C-alpha atoms as a PDB file:
ATOM      1  CA  MET A   1      61.508 179.392-143.734  1.00  0.00           C
ATOM      2  CA  GLY A   2      61.492 182.602-141.624  1.00  0.00           C
ATOM      3  CA  ASP A   3      58.390 183.379-140.516  1.00  0.00           C
ATOM      4  CA  SER A   4      56.077 180.099-140.134  1.00  0.00           C
ATOM      5  CA  PHE A   5      52.877 182.306-139.271  1.00  0.00           C
ATOM      6  CA  GLY A   6      53.424 183.942-142.714  1.00  0.00           C
ATOM      7  CA  ALA A   7      50.686 182.571-144.749  1.00  0.00           C
ATOM      8  CA  GLU A   8      52.872 182.644-147.940  1.00  0.00           C
ATOM      9  CA  GLU A   9      55.840 181.154-146.449  1.00  0.00           C
ATOM     10  CA  ASN A  10      53.647 178.869-144.431  1.00  0.00           C
ATOM     11  CA  LEU A  11      52.449 177.726-147.858  1.00  0.00           C
ATOM     12  CA  ARG A  12      55.664 177.392-149.177  1.00  0.00           C
ATOM     13  CA  GLY A  13      56.844 175.391-146.335  1.00  0.00           C
ATOM     14  CA  GLY A  14      53.779 172.726-146.413  1.00  0.00           C
ATOM     15  CA  THR A  15      54.128 172.560-150.497  1.00  0.00           C
ATOM     16  CA  THR A  16      57.819 171.858-150.258  1.00  0.00           C
ATOM     17  CA  TYR A  17      57.297 169.320-147.577  1.00  0.00           C
ATOM     18  CA  LEU A  18      54.196 167.486-149.356  1.00  0.00           C
ATOM     19  CA  ASN A  19      56.944 167.697-152.841  1.00  0.00           C
ATOM     20  CA  SER A  20      58.996 165.547-150.734  1.00  0.00           C
ATOM     21  CA  LEU A  21      56.848 163.054-149.453  1.00  0.00           C
ATOM     22  CA  LEU A  22      55.436 162.583-152.673  1.00  0.00           C
ATOM     23  CA  THR A  23      59.621 161.705-154.207  1.00  0.00           C
ATOM     24  CA  LYS A  24      59.628 159.650-151.377  1.00  0.00           C
ATOM     25  CA  TYR A  25      57.176 157.318-151.830  1.00  0.00           C
ATOM     26  CA  ARG A  26      57.416 157.346-155.435  1.00  0.00           C
ATOM     27  CA  ASP A  27      54.134 159.456-156.224  1.00  0.00           C
ATOM     28  CA  ASN A  28      51.797 157.647-154.195  1.00  0.00           C
ATOM     29  CA  LEU A  29      49.539 160.162-152.951  1.00  0.00           C
ATOM     30  CA  ALA A  30      47.915 157.910-150.428  1.00  0.00           C
ATOM     31  CA  LEU A  31      50.773 157.230-148.664  1.00  0.00           C
ATOM     32  CA  ALA A  32      52.472 160.969-149.214  1.00  0.00           C
ATOM     33  CA  LEU A  33      48.995 162.414-147.668  1.00  0.00           C
ATOM     34  CA  ALA A  34      49.635 159.872-144.941  1.00  0.00           C
ATOM     35  CA  ALA A  35      53.113 161.289-143.900  1.00  0.00           C
ATOM     36  CA  TYR A  36      51.873 164.384-144.316  1.00  0.00           C
ATOM     37  CA  ASN A  37      49.113 163.817-141.711  1.00  0.00           C
ATOM     38  CA  ALA A  38      50.792 161.293-139.271  1.00  0.00           C
ATOM     39  CA  GLY A  39      54.576 161.653-140.107  1.00  0.00           C
ATOM     40  CA  PRO A  40      57.095 159.423-142.302  1.00  0.00           C
ATOM     41  CA  ALA A  41      57.448 157.228-139.070  1.00  0.00           C
ATOM     42  CA  ALA A  42      54.107 155.933-139.058  1.00  0.00           C
ATOM     43  CA  VAL A  43      54.181 155.371-142.459  1.00  0.00           C
ATOM     44  CA  ALA A  44      57.585 153.339-142.068  1.00  0.00           C
ATOM     45  CA  ARG A  45      55.754 151.676-138.645  1.00  0.00           C
ATOM     46  CA  TRP A  46      52.487 150.579-140.211  1.00  0.00           C
ATOM     47  CA  HIS A  47      54.461 149.533-143.883  1.00  0.00           C
ATOM     48  CA  GLY A  48      51.755 151.719-145.088  1.00  0.00           C
ATOM     49  CA  VAL A  49      48.615 154.073-144.517  1.00  0.00           C
ATOM     50  CA  PRO A  50      48.505 153.981-140.441  1.00  0.00           C
ATOM     51  CA  PRO A  51      44.953 152.727-139.028  1.00  0.00           C
ATOM     52  CA  TYR A  52      44.629 155.907-137.722  1.00  0.00           C
ATOM     53  CA  ARG A  53      41.362 157.056-138.041  1.00  0.00           C
ATOM     54  CA  GLU A  54      42.158 160.824-138.289  1.00  0.00           C
ATOM     55  CA  THR A  55      44.539 159.919-140.922  1.00  0.00           C
ATOM     56  CA  ARG A  56      42.560 157.679-142.747  1.00  0.00           C
ATOM     57  CA  ALA A  57      39.988 160.666-142.972  1.00  0.00           C
ATOM     58  CA  TYR A  58      41.761 162.916-144.330  1.00  0.00           C
ATOM     59  CA  VAL A  59      43.456 160.794-147.300  1.00  0.00           C
ATOM     60  CA  ALA A  60      40.510 160.102-147.860  1.00  0.00           C
ATOM     61  CA  ARG A  61      38.919 163.460-148.019  1.00  0.00           C
ATOM     62  CA  VAL A  62      41.967 165.389-149.744  1.00  0.00           C
ATOM     63  CA  ILE A  63      41.613 162.959-152.668  1.00  0.00           C
ATOM     64  CA  ARG A  64      38.079 163.214-152.474  1.00  0.00           C
ATOM     65  CA  GLU A  65      38.092 166.924-152.807  1.00  0.00           C
ATOM     66  CA  PHE A  66      40.433 167.072-154.989  1.00  0.00           C
ATOM     67  CA  ASN A  67      38.794 164.154-157.628  1.00  0.00           C
ATOM     68  CA  ALA A  68      35.705 166.473-157.310  1.00  0.00           C
ATOM     69  CA  ARG A  69      37.572 169.707-158.072  1.00  0.00           C
ATOM     70  CA  SER A  70      39.516 167.809-161.058  1.00  0.00           C
ATOM     71  CA  GLN A  71      35.813 166.887-162.533  1.00  0.00           C
ATOM     72  CA  ALA A  72      34.566 170.259-162.224  1.00  0.00           C
ATOM     73  CA  ARG A  73      37.602 171.325-164.706  1.00  0.00           C
ATOM     74  CA  PRO A  74      37.193 168.910-167.520  1.00  0.00           C
ATOM     75  CA  GLY A  75      40.848 170.250-168.666  1.00  0.00           C
ATOM     76  CA  LEU A  76      42.791 168.894-165.661  1.00  0.00           C
ATOM     77  CA  ASP A  77      44.774 165.794-166.892  1.00  0.00           C
ATOM     78  CA  ARG A  78      44.444 163.919-163.450  1.00  0.00           C
ATOM     79  CA  ARG A  79      47.987 161.715-164.518  1.00  0.00           C
ATOM     80  CA  GLU A  80      49.352 165.405-165.103  1.00  0.00           C
ATOM     81  CA  ALA A  81      48.447 166.191-161.665  1.00  0.00           C
ATOM     82  CA  GLY A  82      49.968 163.379-159.876  1.00  0.00           C
ATOM     83  CA  VAL A  83      46.893 161.158-159.041  1.00  0.00           C
ATOM     84  CA  PRO A  84      46.687 157.907-159.600  1.00  0.00           C
ATOM     85  CA  LEU A  85      43.778 156.750-161.815  1.00  0.00           C
ATOM     86  CA  ALA A  86      43.041 154.232-159.561  1.00  0.00           C
ATOM     87  CA  PHE A  87      41.358 156.863-157.028  1.00  0.00           C
ATOM     88  CA  ASN A  88      37.951 157.678-158.615  1.00  0.00           C
ATOM     89  CA  SER A  89      35.378 158.946-156.862  1.00  0.00           C
ATOM     90  CA  ARG A  90      34.271 155.393-155.779  1.00  0.00           C
ATOM     91  CA  THR A  91      37.443 154.590-154.186  1.00  0.00           C
ATOM     92  CA  ALA A  92      37.888 157.681-152.677  1.00  0.00           C
ATOM     93  CA  ALA A  93      34.260 157.119-151.089  1.00  0.00           C
ATOM     94  CA  ALA A  94      35.785 153.618-149.856  1.00  0.00           C
ATOM     95  CA  LEU A  95      38.685 154.944-148.254  1.00  0.00           C
ATOM     96  CA  ASP A  96      36.146 156.642-145.836  1.00  0.00           C
ATOM     97  CA  PRO A  97      37.011 154.713-142.557  1.00  0.00           C
ATOM     98  CA  ALA A  98      33.481 154.837-141.651  1.00  0.00           C
ATOM     99  CA  ALA A  99      32.577 153.107-145.018  1.00  0.00           C
ATOM    100  CA  PRO A 100      31.448 149.303-143.883  1.00  0.00           C
ATOM    101  CA  GLY A 101      33.337 146.391-145.369  1.00  0.00           C
ATOM    102  CA  GLY A 102      37.124 145.398-144.829  1.00  0.00           C
ATOM    103  CA  ASP A 103      40.339 147.411-144.955  1.00  0.00           C
ATOM    104  CA  PRO A 104      40.125 149.468-147.871  1.00  0.00           C
ATOM    105  CA  PHE A 105      43.901 150.818-147.496  1.00  0.00           C
ATOM    106  CA  SER A 106      44.984 147.004-147.474  1.00  0.00           C
ATOM    107  CA  LEU A 107      45.716 147.518-151.188  1.00  0.00           C
ATOM    108  CA  ILE A 108      47.691 150.709-150.704  1.00  0.00           C
ATOM    109  CA  ASN A 109      49.532 149.340-148.124  1.00  0.00           C
ATOM    110  CA  LYS A 110      50.844 146.501-149.849  1.00  0.00           C
ATOM    111  CA  GLN A 111      52.698 148.817-152.259  1.00  0.00           C
ATOM    112  CA  SER A 112      56.687 149.511-151.273  1.00  0.00           C
ATOM    113  CA  THR A 113      57.035 152.761-148.669  1.00  0.00           C
ATOM    114  CA  HIS A 114      60.566 152.751-149.362  1.00  0.00           C
END
């Protein structure tokens, strides 16, 4: 990357990095987003989405935003876009760290993080 402050190169670098994380975490979107936000070392240390409020809110917000946009575009196949069908609007809302109840990330964290 030449100029990390250049919008086009910054976007290309970010998407390339996110793509590499999706590959590393076998298309597990929640883990890739957590690693993008908190770093792969944090995901490895916690064997899943770290218990950081900011990271959990980030993962939930990105998935919720994607779901809202994909519902507005009925021709978009979520499977082709790489979003697990388990991430519906209720699941994304439950991922919000402010939501009452148990740990919504426990199921994600039980999946392999290799």
